[in-house]
Amino acid sequence: MRSEDEIREQYEFLKEELDDEEMNHEGVRRMFSYYRRALGWVLEEEHM
C-alpha cells in the first residue's frame, strides 16, 4: 500500500498535468477528472 505522501504527490502531479494548456483533448481531460476525483475520495475515506 502506498503512503499518504505518495498518493498526495501523484494527485498533485495529475492536477498539474490536467491544468496544462497542452492537455486539451476532452476525453483525456474527462478521464483525469474522474481519476482525480477518485483519489480525493480515497483520501477522504482514509481520514474519516
N, C-alpha and C. Protein backbone atom coordinates (compact mmCIF):
# COMPACT_ATOMS: atom_id res chain seq x y z
N MET A 1 0.84 -1.19 0.00
CA MET A 1 0.00 0.00 0.00
C MET A 1 0.88 1.25 0.00
N ARG A 2 0.48 2.22 -0.74
CA ARG A 2 1.25 3.45 -0.81
C ARG A 2 0.98 4.34 0.39
N SER A 3 1.99 5.14 0.73
CA SER A 3 1.82 6.07 1.84
C SER A 3 0.97 7.25 1.40
N GLU A 4 0.46 7.96 2.36
CA GLU A 4 -0.37 9.13 2.05
C GLU A 4 0.43 10.16 1.25
N ASP A 5 1.70 10.34 1.60
CA ASP A 5 2.53 11.30 0.87
C ASP A 5 2.68 10.92 -0.60
N GLU A 6 2.85 9.63 -0.89
CA GLU A 6 2.96 9.18 -2.28
C GLU A 6 1.67 9.44 -3.05
N ILE A 7 0.54 9.18 -2.40
CA ILE A 7 -0.76 9.40 -3.04
C ILE A 7 -0.97 10.89 -3.30
N ARG A 8 -0.65 11.72 -2.31
CA ARG A 8 -0.80 13.16 -2.49
C ARG A 8 0.11 13.68 -3.60
N GLU A 9 1.33 13.16 -3.67
CA GLU A 9 2.27 13.58 -4.71
C GLU A 9 1.72 13.23 -6.10
N GLN A 10 1.16 12.03 -6.23
CA GLN A 10 0.56 11.61 -7.50
C GLN A 10 -0.64 12.47 -7.84
N TYR A 11 -1.45 12.79 -6.84
CA TYR A 11 -2.63 13.64 -7.03
C TYR A 11 -2.22 15.01 -7.56
N GLU A 12 -1.20 15.61 -6.94
CA GLU A 12 -0.73 16.92 -7.37
C GLU A 12 -0.16 16.87 -8.78
N PHE A 13 0.58 15.79 -9.11
CA PHE A 13 1.11 15.62 -10.45
C PHE A 13 -0.01 15.59 -11.48
N LEU A 14 -1.05 14.78 -11.21
CA LEU A 14 -2.18 14.68 -12.14
C LEU A 14 -2.91 16.01 -12.26
N LYS A 15 -3.05 16.73 -11.16
CA LYS A 15 -3.72 18.03 -11.18
C LYS A 15 -2.96 19.00 -12.08
N GLU A 16 -1.63 19.03 -11.95
CA GLU A 16 -0.82 19.91 -12.79
C GLU A 16 -0.91 19.51 -14.26
N GLU A 17 -0.88 18.20 -14.52
CA GLU A 17 -0.99 17.72 -15.90
C GLU A 17 -2.33 18.11 -16.51
N LEU A 18 -3.38 17.99 -15.74
CA LEU A 18 -4.72 18.31 -16.23
C LEU A 18 -4.84 19.80 -16.54
N ASP A 19 -4.20 20.64 -15.74
CA ASP A 19 -4.27 22.08 -15.93
C ASP A 19 -3.35 22.58 -17.04
N ASP A 20 -2.45 21.73 -17.54
CA ASP A 20 -1.53 22.10 -18.61
C ASP A 20 -2.31 22.46 -19.87
N GLU A 21 -1.93 23.54 -20.51
CA GLU A 21 -2.63 24.00 -21.71
C GLU A 21 -2.61 22.98 -22.84
N GLU A 22 -1.57 22.15 -22.91
CA GLU A 22 -1.45 21.17 -23.98
C GLU A 22 -2.40 19.98 -23.79
N MET A 23 -2.94 19.83 -22.60
CA MET A 23 -3.85 18.72 -22.30
C MET A 23 -5.27 19.16 -22.63
N ASN A 24 -5.60 19.25 -23.92
CA ASN A 24 -6.88 19.83 -24.28
C ASN A 24 -7.84 18.83 -24.94
N HIS A 25 -7.44 17.60 -25.06
CA HIS A 25 -8.35 16.61 -25.64
C HIS A 25 -9.41 16.26 -24.59
N GLU A 26 -10.66 16.46 -24.93
CA GLU A 26 -11.75 16.34 -23.95
C GLU A 26 -11.81 14.97 -23.28
N GLY A 27 -11.61 13.91 -24.04
CA GLY A 27 -11.65 12.57 -23.45
C GLY A 27 -10.57 12.35 -22.41
N VAL A 28 -9.37 12.85 -22.68
CA VAL A 28 -8.27 12.72 -21.73
C VAL A 28 -8.56 13.57 -20.48
N ARG A 29 -9.07 14.77 -20.69
CA ARG A 29 -9.41 15.64 -19.56
C ARG A 29 -10.47 14.98 -18.67
N ARG A 30 -11.46 14.38 -19.29
CA ARG A 30 -12.52 13.72 -18.53
C ARG A 30 -11.96 12.55 -17.73
N MET A 31 -11.10 11.75 -18.37
CA MET A 31 -10.50 10.60 -17.68
C MET A 31 -9.72 11.06 -16.46
N PHE A 32 -8.88 12.09 -16.62
CA PHE A 32 -8.11 12.59 -15.49
C PHE A 32 -9.00 13.18 -14.41
N SER A 33 -10.09 13.81 -14.82
CA SER A 33 -11.02 14.37 -13.83
C SER A 33 -11.61 13.27 -12.97
N TYR A 34 -12.02 12.17 -13.59
CA TYR A 34 -12.57 11.05 -12.83
C TYR A 34 -11.52 10.43 -11.92
N TYR A 35 -10.30 10.27 -12.44
CA TYR A 35 -9.22 9.68 -11.66
C TYR A 35 -8.89 10.57 -10.46
N ARG A 36 -8.83 11.88 -10.71
CA ARG A 36 -8.52 12.83 -9.65
C ARG A 36 -9.61 12.80 -8.58
N ARG A 37 -10.86 12.74 -8.99
CA ARG A 37 -11.98 12.68 -8.05
C ARG A 37 -11.90 11.40 -7.22
N ALA A 38 -11.59 10.29 -7.86
CA ALA A 38 -11.49 9.02 -7.14
C ALA A 38 -10.37 9.06 -6.10
N LEU A 39 -9.24 9.64 -6.45
CA LEU A 39 -8.15 9.77 -5.48
C LEU A 39 -8.59 10.62 -4.29
N GLY A 40 -9.34 11.69 -4.56
CA GLY A 40 -9.83 12.53 -3.46
C GLY A 40 -10.74 11.75 -2.52
N TRP A 41 -11.60 10.91 -3.09
CA TRP A 41 -12.50 10.10 -2.26
C TRP A 41 -11.71 9.13 -1.40
N VAL A 42 -10.68 8.51 -1.98
CA VAL A 42 -9.87 7.56 -1.21
C VAL A 42 -9.22 8.28 -0.04
N LEU A 43 -8.65 9.44 -0.29
CA LEU A 43 -8.00 10.18 0.79
C LEU A 43 -9.02 10.58 1.86
N GLU A 44 -10.21 11.00 1.47
CA GLU A 44 -11.23 11.36 2.45
C GLU A 44 -11.64 10.17 3.30
N GLU A 45 -11.86 9.02 2.68
CA GLU A 45 -12.30 7.84 3.41
C GLU A 45 -11.28 7.36 4.42
N GLU A 46 -9.98 7.50 4.08
CA GLU A 46 -8.95 7.04 4.99
C GLU A 46 -8.86 7.93 6.23
N HIS A 47 -9.39 9.14 6.15
CA HIS A 47 -9.29 10.06 7.28
C HIS A 47 -10.60 10.22 8.03
N MET A 48 -11.61 9.42 7.70
CA MET A 48 -12.89 9.52 8.39
C MET A 48 -12.85 8.77 9.71
